[in-house]
Amino acid sequence: MIKNIGLVLTAVLPVVILLKFVFDKDKIEKEPLGLLIKLFCLGFLSVIVSSLLSKLLPSFNINCYRSFIKIALIEEFAKWITIYLVSWKSKEFNYVYDAIVYSIFVSLGFACFENILYVLNYGITTSVFRGFLSVPCHAFYAVYMGYFLGKAKSSGSTKFKLLSILVPTLLHGVYDYLLLSESLLLYFIFVIYVVVLYNQAIKIINSISKNDHRLMN
């Protein structure tokens, strides 16, 4: 029992660190904690939605299909629809950075549930691996989701709505494709890819946080 509690804490810790980071970057107008808790909890439950949707798709032992469709598209759609339904018409959604906050809270709710399941099944080594890779990556896909949702809200453009789901799906798919490749060369590319993804996502967070502005719509 105590061991399991310790494993759960190691699974949750990186989520808490990332949530605090993105919340602290919201400089102009903090989002209501009630809304953020709701988004996080619904993100937690969106794992179930993702799992059900995945079961509807046929299973093919083809890395490209598994990575981009069976995993990435299904998971990112489950997160995207949660964010959209809860926040799109909310009066609280009045700054560009808000969309990034919403997206990350839902995505880290998803990552938290997933991480707990993996860690309880596979132990502390998995916790360390996922704490440095899988959990932050879910957050950083969400940066792009939120960035384009913010632009869609500001401009009213359907193009940005589409990008808000397509770009995270592409980023997520590439991550899984490289990781599942079983190729030393692609593993090397994977490391470079993750470093670039982290760097660019943090740059976007810092830039939008610093230059945030009220939405016109």
N, C-alpha and C. Protein backbone atom coordinates (compact mmCIF):
# COMPACT_ATOMS: atom_id res chain seq x y z
N MET A 1 0.83 -1.21 0.00
CA MET A 1 0.00 0.00 0.00
C MET A 1 0.87 1.26 0.00
N ILE A 2 1.85 1.30 0.92
CA ILE A 2 2.74 2.46 1.02
C ILE A 2 3.55 2.61 -0.26
N LYS A 3 3.98 1.46 -0.81
CA LYS A 3 4.74 1.49 -2.06
C LYS A 3 3.90 2.10 -3.18
N ASN A 4 2.64 1.70 -3.26
CA ASN A 4 1.76 2.22 -4.31
C ASN A 4 1.52 3.72 -4.15
N ILE A 5 1.39 4.17 -2.91
CA ILE A 5 1.21 5.60 -2.66
C ILE A 5 2.44 6.36 -3.14
N GLY A 6 3.62 5.81 -2.87
CA GLY A 6 4.86 6.44 -3.32
C GLY A 6 4.94 6.50 -4.83
N LEU A 7 4.52 5.43 -5.49
CA LEU A 7 4.53 5.41 -6.95
C LEU A 7 3.56 6.45 -7.53
N VAL A 8 2.40 6.55 -6.92
CA VAL A 8 1.41 7.55 -7.39
C VAL A 8 1.97 8.96 -7.23
N LEU A 9 2.64 9.20 -6.11
CA LEU A 9 3.23 10.53 -5.88
C LEU A 9 4.29 10.85 -6.93
N THR A 10 5.10 9.86 -7.30
CA THR A 10 6.12 10.11 -8.33
C THR A 10 5.47 10.34 -9.68
N ALA A 11 4.30 9.74 -9.89
CA ALA A 11 3.57 9.94 -11.15
C ALA A 11 2.94 11.32 -11.23
N VAL A 12 2.51 11.82 -10.08
CA VAL A 12 1.79 13.11 -10.02
C VAL A 12 2.74 14.30 -9.96
N LEU A 13 3.93 14.11 -9.37
CA LEU A 13 4.86 15.22 -9.15
C LEU A 13 5.18 16.02 -10.41
N PRO A 14 5.59 15.40 -11.52
CA PRO A 14 5.90 16.21 -12.71
C PRO A 14 4.68 16.97 -13.23
N VAL A 15 3.49 16.41 -13.04
CA VAL A 15 2.26 17.10 -13.44
C VAL A 15 2.08 18.37 -12.63
N VAL A 16 2.27 18.27 -11.33
CA VAL A 16 2.12 19.43 -10.44
C VAL A 16 3.13 20.52 -10.79
N ILE A 17 4.36 20.13 -11.05
CA ILE A 17 5.42 21.09 -11.39
C ILE A 17 5.06 21.85 -12.66
N LEU A 18 4.59 21.14 -13.67
CA LEU A 18 4.24 21.78 -14.94
C LEU A 18 2.99 22.65 -14.81
N LEU A 19 2.01 22.21 -14.03
CA LEU A 19 0.82 23.02 -13.80
C LEU A 19 1.17 24.34 -13.12
N LYS A 20 2.03 24.27 -12.12
CA LYS A 20 2.45 25.49 -11.43
C LYS A 20 3.20 26.42 -12.37
N PHE A 21 4.05 25.84 -13.22
CA PHE A 21 4.83 26.64 -14.16
C PHE A 21 3.92 27.44 -15.08
N VAL A 22 2.96 26.76 -15.69
CA VAL A 22 2.09 27.44 -16.66
C VAL A 22 1.14 28.41 -15.96
N PHE A 23 0.70 28.07 -14.75
CA PHE A 23 -0.18 28.96 -13.98
C PHE A 23 0.56 30.23 -13.59
N ASP A 24 1.79 30.10 -13.16
CA ASP A 24 2.59 31.27 -12.75
C ASP A 24 2.88 32.20 -13.93
N LYS A 25 2.91 31.66 -15.14
CA LYS A 25 3.18 32.46 -16.33
C LYS A 25 1.97 33.29 -16.76
N ASP A 26 0.82 33.04 -16.16
CA ASP A 26 -0.40 33.79 -16.48
C ASP A 26 -0.34 35.10 -15.70
N LYS A 27 0.27 36.12 -16.29
CA LYS A 27 0.64 37.34 -15.55
C LYS A 27 -0.49 38.34 -15.41
N ILE A 28 -1.35 38.46 -16.42
CA ILE A 28 -2.30 39.58 -16.45
C ILE A 28 -3.56 39.29 -15.63
N GLU A 29 -4.19 38.16 -15.90
CA GLU A 29 -5.46 37.84 -15.23
C GLU A 29 -5.52 36.34 -14.98
N LYS A 30 -5.33 35.93 -13.74
CA LYS A 30 -5.34 34.52 -13.40
C LYS A 30 -6.71 33.91 -13.67
N GLU A 31 -6.71 32.68 -14.17
CA GLU A 31 -7.96 31.98 -14.40
C GLU A 31 -8.52 31.45 -13.08
N PRO A 32 -9.86 31.40 -12.97
CA PRO A 32 -10.47 30.90 -11.72
C PRO A 32 -10.04 29.46 -11.43
N LEU A 33 -9.70 29.21 -10.18
CA LEU A 33 -9.24 27.87 -9.81
C LEU A 33 -10.32 26.82 -10.05
N GLY A 34 -11.57 27.21 -9.85
CA GLY A 34 -12.67 26.27 -10.08
C GLY A 34 -12.70 25.78 -11.52
N LEU A 35 -12.51 26.70 -12.45
CA LEU A 35 -12.49 26.35 -13.87
C LEU A 35 -11.30 25.45 -14.19
N LEU A 36 -10.14 25.78 -13.63
CA LEU A 36 -8.93 25.00 -13.91
C LEU A 36 -9.03 23.58 -13.33
N ILE A 37 -9.60 23.47 -12.14
CA ILE A 37 -9.79 22.15 -11.53
C ILE A 37 -10.76 21.32 -12.37
N LYS A 38 -11.82 21.99 -12.85
CA LYS A 38 -12.79 21.31 -13.73
C LYS A 38 -12.11 20.79 -15.00
N LEU A 39 -11.29 21.64 -15.62
CA LEU A 39 -10.59 21.25 -16.85
C LEU A 39 -9.64 20.09 -16.58
N PHE A 40 -8.92 20.17 -15.47
CA PHE A 40 -7.98 19.10 -15.13
C PHE A 40 -8.71 17.77 -14.92
N CYS A 41 -9.81 17.81 -14.17
CA CYS A 41 -10.56 16.58 -13.88
C CYS A 41 -11.17 16.00 -15.15
N LEU A 42 -11.68 16.88 -16.03
CA LEU A 42 -12.23 16.39 -17.30
C LEU A 42 -11.12 15.84 -18.20
N GLY A 43 -9.94 16.43 -18.11
CA GLY A 43 -8.79 15.88 -18.82
C GLY A 43 -8.46 14.49 -18.31
N PHE A 44 -8.56 14.33 -17.00
CA PHE A 44 -8.35 13.03 -16.37
C PHE A 44 -9.32 12.00 -16.97
N LEU A 45 -10.59 12.40 -17.10
CA LEU A 45 -11.62 11.50 -17.61
C LEU A 45 -11.53 11.31 -19.13
N SER A 46 -10.88 12.25 -19.81
CA SER A 46 -10.80 12.13 -21.27
C SER A 46 -9.96 10.92 -21.70
N VAL A 47 -9.20 10.36 -20.78
CA VAL A 47 -8.48 9.10 -21.07
C VAL A 47 -9.49 8.00 -21.41
N ILE A 48 -10.61 8.01 -20.70
CA ILE A 48 -11.65 7.01 -20.95
C ILE A 48 -12.26 7.21 -22.33
N VAL A 49 -12.51 8.49 -22.67
CA VAL A 49 -13.05 8.81 -24.00
C VAL A 49 -12.08 8.34 -25.08
N SER A 50 -10.80 8.64 -24.87
CA SER A 50 -9.78 8.23 -25.82
C SER A 50 -9.73 6.72 -25.98
N SER A 51 -9.82 6.00 -24.88
CA SER A 51 -9.77 4.54 -24.91
C SER A 51 -10.97 3.97 -25.68
N LEU A 52 -12.15 4.53 -25.44
CA LEU A 52 -13.36 4.06 -26.13
C LEU A 52 -13.28 4.33 -27.63
N LEU A 53 -12.81 5.52 -27.99
CA LEU A 53 -12.68 5.87 -29.40
C LEU A 53 -11.65 4.96 -30.10
N SER A 54 -10.58 4.67 -29.38
CA SER A 54 -9.53 3.83 -29.94
C SER A 54 -10.05 2.42 -30.26
N LYS A 55 -10.95 1.93 -29.41
CA LYS A 55 -11.51 0.59 -29.61
C LYS A 55 -12.40 0.52 -30.84
N LEU A 56 -12.88 1.69 -31.30
CA LEU A 56 -13.73 1.71 -32.48
C LEU A 56 -12.93 1.59 -33.78
N LEU A 57 -11.63 1.87 -33.68
CA LEU A 57 -10.78 1.81 -34.86
C LEU A 57 -10.19 0.41 -35.04
N PRO A 58 -9.99 -0.01 -36.27
CA PRO A 58 -9.34 -1.31 -36.49
C PRO A 58 -7.89 -1.27 -36.04
N SER A 59 -7.35 -2.41 -35.71
CA SER A 59 -5.95 -2.50 -35.27
C SER A 59 -5.08 -3.04 -36.40
N PHE A 60 -4.09 -2.27 -36.78
CA PHE A 60 -3.12 -2.70 -37.79
C PHE A 60 -1.73 -2.56 -37.19
N ASN A 61 -0.89 -3.54 -37.41
CA ASN A 61 0.47 -3.50 -36.88
C ASN A 61 1.38 -2.71 -37.83
N ILE A 62 0.99 -1.46 -38.04
CA ILE A 62 1.73 -0.55 -38.90
C ILE A 62 2.08 0.68 -38.07
N ASN A 63 3.36 0.93 -37.89
CA ASN A 63 3.81 1.98 -36.97
C ASN A 63 3.19 3.33 -37.29
N CYS A 64 3.14 3.69 -38.56
CA CYS A 64 2.62 4.99 -38.95
C CYS A 64 1.15 5.14 -38.55
N TYR A 65 0.38 4.10 -38.82
CA TYR A 65 -1.05 4.11 -38.47
C TYR A 65 -1.24 4.17 -36.96
N ARG A 66 -0.53 3.32 -36.25
CA ARG A 66 -0.65 3.29 -34.79
C ARG A 66 -0.27 4.63 -34.17
N SER A 67 0.84 5.20 -34.65
CA SER A 67 1.37 6.42 -34.04
C SER A 67 0.50 7.64 -34.31
N PHE A 68 0.12 7.84 -35.57
CA PHE A 68 -0.57 9.06 -35.96
C PHE A 68 -2.09 9.00 -35.82
N ILE A 69 -2.67 7.81 -35.99
CA ILE A 69 -4.13 7.69 -35.95
C ILE A 69 -4.61 7.06 -34.65
N LYS A 70 -4.16 5.85 -34.40
CA LYS A 70 -4.65 5.07 -33.26
C LYS A 70 -4.30 5.72 -31.91
N ILE A 71 -3.14 6.38 -31.87
CA ILE A 71 -2.72 7.02 -30.62
C ILE A 71 -2.89 8.54 -30.68
N ALA A 72 -2.12 9.18 -31.54
CA ALA A 72 -2.04 10.65 -31.51
C ALA A 72 -3.37 11.33 -31.82
N LEU A 73 -4.00 10.98 -32.94
CA LEU A 73 -5.25 11.64 -33.31
C LEU A 73 -6.34 11.42 -32.27
N ILE A 74 -6.48 10.19 -31.82
CA ILE A 74 -7.52 9.86 -30.84
C ILE A 74 -7.29 10.61 -29.53
N GLU A 75 -6.07 10.59 -29.03
CA GLU A 75 -5.78 11.25 -27.74
C GLU A 75 -5.92 12.76 -27.84
N GLU A 76 -5.39 13.34 -28.91
CA GLU A 76 -5.46 14.80 -29.04
C GLU A 76 -6.90 15.27 -29.28
N PHE A 77 -7.67 14.47 -30.01
CA PHE A 77 -9.08 14.84 -30.22
C PHE A 77 -9.84 14.79 -28.90
N ALA A 78 -9.59 13.76 -28.08
CA ALA A 78 -10.28 13.65 -26.79
C ALA A 78 -9.98 14.86 -25.91
N LYS A 79 -8.74 15.32 -25.96
CA LYS A 79 -8.37 16.52 -25.18
C LYS A 79 -8.97 17.78 -25.80
N TRP A 80 -8.88 17.87 -27.13
CA TRP A 80 -9.35 19.07 -27.83
C TRP A 80 -10.84 19.31 -27.63
N ILE A 81 -11.64 18.26 -27.77
CA ILE A 81 -13.09 18.42 -27.64
C ILE A 81 -13.46 18.80 -26.22
N THR A 82 -12.71 18.32 -25.24
CA THR A 82 -12.94 18.70 -23.84
C THR A 82 -12.68 20.18 -23.65
N ILE A 83 -11.55 20.65 -24.13
CA ILE A 83 -11.19 22.07 -24.01
C ILE A 83 -12.22 22.95 -24.71
N TYR A 84 -12.57 22.55 -25.92
CA TYR A 84 -13.49 23.35 -26.74
C TYR A 84 -14.87 23.46 -26.08
N LEU A 85 -15.42 22.35 -25.64
CA LEU A 85 -16.77 22.36 -25.07
C LEU A 85 -16.84 23.14 -23.77
N VAL A 86 -15.78 23.08 -22.98
CA VAL A 86 -15.80 23.75 -21.67
C VAL A 86 -15.44 25.22 -21.76
N SER A 87 -14.46 25.57 -22.60
CA SER A 87 -13.90 26.92 -22.52
C SER A 87 -14.27 27.87 -23.65
N TRP A 88 -14.66 27.34 -24.82
CA TRP A 88 -14.78 28.20 -25.99
C TRP A 88 -15.73 29.37 -25.78
N LYS A 89 -16.87 29.13 -25.16
CA LYS A 89 -17.86 30.18 -24.94
C LYS A 89 -17.81 30.77 -23.53
N SER A 90 -16.80 30.38 -22.77
CA SER A 90 -16.66 30.89 -21.40
C SER A 90 -16.28 32.36 -21.40
N LYS A 91 -16.89 33.13 -20.52
CA LYS A 91 -16.54 34.55 -20.41
C LYS A 91 -15.13 34.74 -19.87
N GLU A 92 -14.59 33.69 -19.28
CA GLU A 92 -13.22 33.77 -18.74
C GLU A 92 -12.18 33.71 -19.86
N PHE A 93 -12.56 33.19 -21.02
CA PHE A 93 -11.65 33.05 -22.16
C PHE A 93 -11.55 34.41 -22.86
N ASN A 94 -10.72 35.29 -22.30
CA ASN A 94 -10.64 36.66 -22.83
C ASN A 94 -9.21 37.14 -23.10
N TYR A 95 -8.24 36.24 -22.95
CA TYR A 95 -6.86 36.55 -23.30
C TYR A 95 -6.29 35.38 -24.11
N VAL A 96 -5.30 35.67 -24.93
CA VAL A 96 -4.68 34.63 -25.76
C VAL A 96 -4.07 33.53 -24.90
N TYR A 97 -3.37 33.92 -23.83
CA TYR A 97 -2.69 32.94 -22.99
C TYR A 97 -3.67 32.00 -22.29
N ASP A 98 -4.93 32.45 -22.11
CA ASP A 98 -5.93 31.61 -21.46
C ASP A 98 -6.06 30.26 -22.15
N ALA A 99 -6.04 30.27 -23.49
CA ALA A 99 -6.21 29.03 -24.24
C ALA A 99 -5.06 28.05 -23.98
N ILE A 100 -3.86 28.60 -23.79
CA ILE A 100 -2.72 27.74 -23.48
C ILE A 100 -2.89 27.13 -22.09
N VAL A 101 -3.35 27.94 -21.14
CA VAL A 101 -3.60 27.43 -19.78
C VAL A 101 -4.64 26.32 -19.81
N TYR A 102 -5.76 26.57 -20.49
CA TYR A 102 -6.83 25.56 -20.55
C TYR A 102 -6.33 24.27 -21.18
N SER A 103 -5.62 24.41 -22.28
CA SER A 103 -5.13 23.23 -23.00
C SER A 103 -4.17 22.41 -22.16
N ILE A 104 -3.29 23.09 -21.46
CA ILE A 104 -2.31 22.38 -20.64
C ILE A 104 -2.97 21.72 -19.44
N PHE A 105 -3.94 22.37 -18.83
CA PHE A 105 -4.61 21.75 -17.68
C PHE A 105 -5.36 20.48 -18.09
N VAL A 106 -6.05 20.52 -19.23
CA VAL A 106 -6.73 19.31 -19.71
C VAL A 106 -5.71 18.24 -20.08
N SER A 107 -4.67 18.63 -20.80
CA SER A 107 -3.67 17.66 -21.25
C SER A 107 -2.92 17.03 -20.09
N LEU A 108 -2.65 17.81 -19.06
CA LEU A 108 -1.96 17.24 -17.91
C LEU A 108 -2.89 16.41 -17.04
N GLY A 109 -4.19 16.70 -17.08
CA GLY A 109 -5.15 15.80 -16.45
C GLY A 109 -5.10 14.44 -17.13
N PHE A 110 -5.09 14.47 -18.45
CA PHE A 110 -4.97 13.25 -19.26
C PHE A 110 -3.66 12.53 -18.92
N ALA A 111 -2.55 13.27 -18.94
CA ALA A 111 -1.23 12.68 -18.69
C ALA A 111 -1.13 12.11 -17.28
N CYS A 112 -1.79 12.76 -16.32
CA CYS A 112 -1.74 12.31 -14.93
C CYS A 112 -2.40 10.94 -14.78
N PHE A 113 -3.60 10.80 -15.33
CA PHE A 113 -4.31 9.52 -15.28
C PHE A 113 -3.47 8.44 -15.95
N GLU A 114 -2.99 8.73 -17.16
CA GLU A 114 -2.20 7.77 -17.92
C GLU A 114 -0.93 7.40 -17.16
N ASN A 115 -0.28 8.40 -16.56
CA ASN A 115 0.97 8.17 -15.86
C ASN A 115 0.79 7.29 -14.63
N ILE A 116 -0.29 7.52 -13.90
CA ILE A 116 -0.58 6.71 -12.72
C ILE A 116 -0.76 5.24 -13.11
N LEU A 117 -1.50 5.02 -14.20
CA LEU A 117 -1.72 3.64 -14.66
C LEU A 117 -0.41 2.97 -15.04
N TYR A 118 0.42 3.68 -15.79
CA TYR A 118 1.70 3.10 -16.22
C TYR A 118 2.62 2.82 -15.04
N VAL A 119 2.69 3.77 -14.13
CA VAL A 119 3.62 3.64 -13.01
C VAL A 119 3.20 2.51 -12.07
N LEU A 120 1.90 2.37 -11.82
CA LEU A 120 1.44 1.29 -10.95
C LEU A 120 1.68 -0.07 -11.59
N ASN A 121 1.66 -0.12 -12.90
CA ASN A 121 1.87 -1.38 -13.61
C ASN A 121 3.34 -1.72 -13.83
N TYR A 122 4.17 -0.67 -14.04
CA TYR A 122 5.55 -0.94 -14.46
C TYR A 122 6.63 -0.40 -13.52
N GLY A 123 6.24 0.35 -12.49
CA GLY A 123 7.20 0.71 -11.47
C GLY A 123 7.92 2.05 -11.63
N ILE A 124 8.90 2.25 -10.77
CA ILE A 124 9.57 3.55 -10.61
C ILE A 124 10.38 3.93 -11.84
N THR A 125 10.96 2.97 -12.53
CA THR A 125 11.74 3.29 -13.73
C THR A 125 10.86 3.96 -14.78
N THR A 126 9.67 3.43 -14.95
CA THR A 126 8.70 4.01 -15.88
C THR A 126 8.32 5.42 -15.43
N SER A 127 8.21 5.62 -14.13
CA SER A 127 7.86 6.93 -13.59
C SER A 127 8.90 7.98 -13.96
N VAL A 128 10.17 7.61 -13.84
CA VAL A 128 11.25 8.55 -14.17
C VAL A 128 11.25 8.85 -15.68
N PHE A 129 11.14 7.80 -16.48
CA PHE A 129 11.14 7.96 -17.94
C PHE A 129 9.98 8.85 -18.38
N ARG A 130 8.79 8.55 -17.90
CA ARG A 130 7.61 9.32 -18.31
C ARG A 130 7.61 10.72 -17.71
N GLY A 131 8.21 10.87 -16.53
CA GLY A 131 8.27 12.19 -15.90
C GLY A 131 9.10 13.18 -16.69
N PHE A 132 10.12 12.68 -17.38
CA PHE A 132 10.98 13.55 -18.19
C PHE A 132 10.55 13.64 -19.65
N LEU A 133 9.75 12.66 -20.10
CA LEU A 133 9.40 12.61 -21.53
C LEU A 133 7.89 12.73 -21.77
N SER A 134 7.14 11.70 -21.44
CA SER A 134 5.73 11.65 -21.82
C SER A 134 4.90 12.76 -21.22
N VAL A 135 5.05 13.01 -19.93
CA VAL A 135 4.23 14.04 -19.27
C VAL A 135 4.52 15.43 -19.83
N PRO A 136 5.79 15.87 -19.88
CA PRO A 136 6.05 17.19 -20.48
C PRO A 136 5.59 17.29 -21.93
N CYS A 137 5.73 16.20 -22.68
CA CYS A 137 5.32 16.25 -24.09
C CYS A 137 3.82 16.47 -24.23
N HIS A 138 3.02 15.84 -23.37
CA HIS A 138 1.59 16.12 -23.40
C HIS A 138 1.33 17.61 -23.18
N ALA A 139 2.06 18.19 -22.25
CA ALA A 139 1.91 19.63 -21.97
C ALA A 139 2.35 20.46 -23.16
N PHE A 140 3.43 20.05 -23.82
CA PHE A 140 3.97 20.87 -24.89
C PHE A 140 3.18 20.73 -26.20
N TYR A 141 2.53 19.56 -26.42
CA TYR A 141 1.58 19.50 -27.54
C TYR A 141 0.46 20.50 -27.28
N ALA A 142 0.07 20.57 -26.01
CA ALA A 142 -1.05 21.45 -25.62
C ALA A 142 -0.71 22.92 -25.82
N VAL A 143 0.56 23.27 -25.75
CA VAL A 143 0.95 24.66 -26.00
C VAL A 143 0.50 25.08 -27.41
N TYR A 144 0.75 24.19 -28.37
CA TYR A 144 0.36 24.48 -29.76
C TYR A 144 -1.15 24.46 -29.92
N MET A 145 -1.80 23.53 -29.23
CA MET A 145 -3.25 23.48 -29.27
C MET A 145 -3.84 24.79 -28.75
N GLY A 146 -3.34 25.24 -27.62
CA GLY A 146 -3.82 26.48 -27.04
C GLY A 146 -3.46 27.71 -27.87
N TYR A 147 -2.26 27.70 -28.42
CA TYR A 147 -1.82 28.83 -29.25
C TYR A 147 -2.76 29.04 -30.43
N PHE A 148 -3.09 27.96 -31.13
CA PHE A 148 -3.96 28.09 -32.30
C PHE A 148 -5.43 28.31 -31.90
N LEU A 149 -5.85 27.77 -30.76
CA LEU A 149 -7.20 28.05 -30.29
C LEU A 149 -7.35 29.53 -29.93
N GLY A 150 -6.30 30.09 -29.34
CA GLY A 150 -6.30 31.51 -29.02
C GLY A 150 -6.40 32.36 -30.28
N LYS A 151 -5.66 31.97 -31.30
CA LYS A 151 -5.70 32.70 -32.57
C LYS A 151 -7.07 32.53 -33.24
N ALA A 152 -7.67 31.34 -33.12
CA ALA A 152 -9.00 31.10 -33.69
C ALA A 152 -10.04 31.96 -32.98
N LYS A 153 -9.94 32.06 -31.67
CA LYS A 153 -10.88 32.87 -30.88
C LYS A 153 -10.74 34.34 -31.24
N SER A 154 -9.51 34.78 -31.43
CA SER A 154 -9.24 36.18 -31.74
C SER A 154 -9.69 36.55 -33.15
N SER A 155 -9.45 35.66 -34.10
CA SER A 155 -9.69 35.98 -35.50
C SER A 155 -11.02 35.46 -36.05
N GLY A 156 -11.57 34.43 -35.38
CA GLY A 156 -12.77 33.79 -35.89
C GLY A 156 -12.49 32.87 -37.06
N SER A 157 -11.23 32.55 -37.29
CA SER A 157 -10.83 31.74 -38.45
C SER A 157 -10.94 30.24 -38.17
N THR A 158 -11.65 29.55 -39.06
CA THR A 158 -11.75 28.09 -38.96
C THR A 158 -10.40 27.43 -39.19
N LYS A 159 -9.56 28.08 -39.98
CA LYS A 159 -8.23 27.53 -40.27
C LYS A 159 -7.45 27.29 -38.97
N PHE A 160 -7.51 28.25 -38.05
CA PHE A 160 -6.77 28.10 -36.80
C PHE A 160 -7.39 27.02 -35.90
N LYS A 161 -8.70 26.85 -35.98
CA LYS A 161 -9.33 25.76 -35.23
C LYS A 161 -8.79 24.41 -35.71
N LEU A 162 -8.71 24.27 -37.03
CA LEU A 162 -8.19 23.03 -37.59
C LEU A 162 -6.73 22.81 -37.19
N LEU A 163 -5.94 23.88 -37.23
CA LEU A 163 -4.54 23.77 -36.83
C LEU A 163 -4.40 23.40 -35.35
N SER A 164 -5.36 23.81 -34.54
CA SER A 164 -5.29 23.54 -33.10
C SER A 164 -5.42 22.05 -32.79
N ILE A 165 -5.96 21.28 -33.71
CA ILE A 165 -6.01 19.83 -33.52
C ILE A 165 -4.97 19.13 -34.39
N LEU A 166 -4.73 19.64 -35.59
CA LEU A 166 -3.81 18.98 -36.52
C LEU A 166 -2.35 19.08 -36.07
N VAL A 167 -1.93 20.25 -35.59
CA VAL A 167 -0.52 20.43 -35.20
C VAL A 167 -0.17 19.56 -33.98
N PRO A 168 -0.97 19.58 -32.91
CA PRO A 168 -0.64 18.68 -31.79
C PRO A 168 -0.66 17.20 -32.19
N THR A 169 -1.59 16.84 -33.08
CA THR A 169 -1.64 15.44 -33.54
C THR A 169 -0.37 15.08 -34.29
N LEU A 170 0.09 15.97 -35.15
CA LEU A 170 1.33 15.72 -35.90
C LEU A 170 2.52 15.61 -34.96
N LEU A 171 2.64 16.52 -34.02
CA LEU A 171 3.75 16.49 -33.06
C LEU A 171 3.72 15.22 -32.22
N HIS A 172 2.55 14.86 -31.76
CA HIS A 172 2.38 13.65 -30.95
C HIS A 172 2.69 12.41 -31.79
N GLY A 173 2.21 12.40 -33.02
CA GLY A 173 2.44 11.26 -33.90
C GLY A 173 3.91 11.03 -34.19
N VAL A 174 4.64 12.11 -34.44
CA VAL A 174 6.08 12.00 -34.70
C VAL A 174 6.78 11.42 -33.46
N TYR A 175 6.42 11.90 -32.28
CA TYR A 175 7.00 11.41 -31.03
C TYR A 175 6.82 9.89 -30.93
N ASP A 176 5.57 9.43 -31.12
CA ASP A 176 5.30 8.00 -30.99
C ASP A 176 5.94 7.19 -32.11
N TYR A 177 5.93 7.72 -33.31
CA TYR A 177 6.52 7.01 -34.44
C TYR A 177 8.01 6.75 -34.20
N LEU A 178 8.71 7.78 -33.74
CA LEU A 178 10.15 7.63 -33.47
C LEU A 178 10.39 6.68 -32.30
N LEU A 179 9.58 6.80 -31.26
CA LEU A 179 9.76 5.99 -30.06
C LEU A 179 9.46 4.51 -30.32
N LEU A 180 8.49 4.25 -31.20
CA LEU A 180 8.09 2.87 -31.48
C LEU A 180 8.85 2.25 -32.66
N SER A 181 9.80 2.99 -33.19
CA SER A 181 10.46 2.58 -34.43
C SER A 181 11.39 1.38 -34.28
N GLU A 182 11.97 1.19 -33.10
CA GLU A 182 12.97 0.13 -32.87
C GLU A 182 14.18 0.30 -33.78
N SER A 183 14.53 1.55 -34.04
CA SER A 183 15.69 1.87 -34.87
C SER A 183 16.62 2.79 -34.10
N LEU A 184 17.91 2.45 -34.02
CA LEU A 184 18.87 3.27 -33.28
C LEU A 184 18.97 4.67 -33.88
N LEU A 185 18.93 4.76 -35.21
CA LEU A 185 19.00 6.06 -35.86
C LEU A 185 17.80 6.92 -35.48
N LEU A 186 16.60 6.32 -35.52
CA LEU A 186 15.39 7.08 -35.18
C LEU A 186 15.33 7.41 -33.69
N TYR A 187 15.94 6.57 -32.85
CA TYR A 187 16.03 6.90 -31.42
C TYR A 187 16.90 8.14 -31.22
N PHE A 188 17.96 8.23 -31.99
CA PHE A 188 18.84 9.40 -31.92
C PHE A 188 18.08 10.65 -32.37
N ILE A 189 17.33 10.51 -33.46
CA ILE A 189 16.51 11.63 -33.95
C ILE A 189 15.44 11.98 -32.91
N PHE A 190 14.92 10.96 -32.23
CA PHE A 190 13.92 11.17 -31.18
C PHE A 190 14.43 12.11 -30.10
N VAL A 191 15.67 11.88 -29.66
CA VAL A 191 16.25 12.74 -28.61
C VAL A 191 16.34 14.18 -29.08
N ILE A 192 16.81 14.38 -30.30
CA ILE A 192 16.90 15.73 -30.86
C ILE A 192 15.51 16.35 -30.97
N TYR A 193 14.56 15.55 -31.42
CA TYR A 193 13.17 16.03 -31.60
C TYR A 193 12.59 16.51 -30.27
N VAL A 194 12.78 15.74 -29.21
CA VAL A 194 12.24 16.10 -27.90
C VAL A 194 12.87 17.40 -27.39
N VAL A 195 14.18 17.54 -27.55
CA VAL A 195 14.86 18.76 -27.12
C VAL A 195 14.31 19.99 -27.86
N VAL A 196 14.15 19.86 -29.16
CA VAL A 196 13.62 20.97 -29.97
C VAL A 196 12.17 21.28 -29.57
N LEU A 197 11.36 20.23 -29.38
CA LEU A 197 9.97 20.41 -28.97
C LEU A 197 9.87 21.16 -27.65
N TYR A 198 10.66 20.75 -26.66
CA TYR A 198 10.66 21.41 -25.35
C TYR A 198 11.05 22.87 -25.50
N ASN A 199 12.13 23.10 -26.23
CA ASN A 199 12.67 24.45 -26.38
C ASN A 199 11.65 25.38 -27.04
N GLN A 200 11.04 24.94 -28.12
CA GLN A 200 10.10 25.77 -28.85
C GLN A 200 8.82 26.02 -28.05
N ALA A 201 8.34 25.01 -27.36
CA ALA A 201 7.12 25.17 -26.57
C ALA A 201 7.33 26.17 -25.43
N ILE A 202 8.48 26.09 -24.77
CA ILE A 202 8.76 27.03 -23.68
C ILE A 202 8.92 28.44 -24.21
N LYS A 203 9.50 28.58 -25.40
CA LYS A 203 9.61 29.89 -26.03
C LYS A 203 8.23 30.48 -26.30
N ILE A 204 7.31 29.65 -26.78
CA ILE A 204 5.94 30.13 -27.04
C ILE A 204 5.26 30.55 -25.75
N ILE A 205 5.40 29.75 -24.70
CA ILE A 205 4.82 30.09 -23.41
C ILE A 205 5.34 31.44 -22.93
N ASN A 206 6.65 31.61 -22.96
CA ASN A 206 7.25 32.85 -22.48
C ASN A 206 6.84 34.05 -23.34
N SER A 207 6.79 33.85 -24.65
CA SER A 207 6.44 34.94 -25.55
C SER A 207 4.98 35.38 -25.38
N ILE A 208 4.05 34.42 -25.37
CA ILE A 208 2.63 34.76 -25.22
C ILE A 208 2.37 35.35 -23.83
N SER A 209 3.00 34.78 -22.82
CA SER A 209 2.83 35.30 -21.45
C SER A 209 3.29 36.76 -21.36
N LYS A 210 4.43 37.06 -21.99
CA LYS A 210 4.99 38.41 -21.93
C LYS A 210 4.20 39.41 -22.75
N ASN A 211 3.67 38.96 -23.90
CA ASN A 211 3.00 39.88 -24.84
C ASN A 211 1.50 39.60 -24.94
N ASP A 212 0.92 39.06 -23.89
CA ASP A 212 -0.50 38.69 -23.92
C ASP A 212 -1.38 39.92 -24.14
N HIS A 213 -2.53 39.70 -24.78
CA HIS A 213 -3.46 40.81 -24.99
C HIS A 213 -4.89 40.30 -24.98
N ARG A 214 -5.79 41.20 -24.65
CA ARG A 214 -7.20 40.83 -24.56
C ARG A 214 -7.74 40.50 -25.95
N LEU A 215 -8.59 39.46 -26.00
CA LEU A 215 -9.20 39.05 -27.26
C LEU A 215 -10.29 40.03 -27.65
N MET A 216 -10.41 40.28 -28.94
CA MET A 216 -11.42 41.21 -29.42
C MET A 216 -12.79 40.58 -29.48
N ASN A 217 -12.85 39.24 -29.75
CA ASN A 217 -14.16 38.57 -29.89
C ASN A 217 -14.73 38.20 -28.52
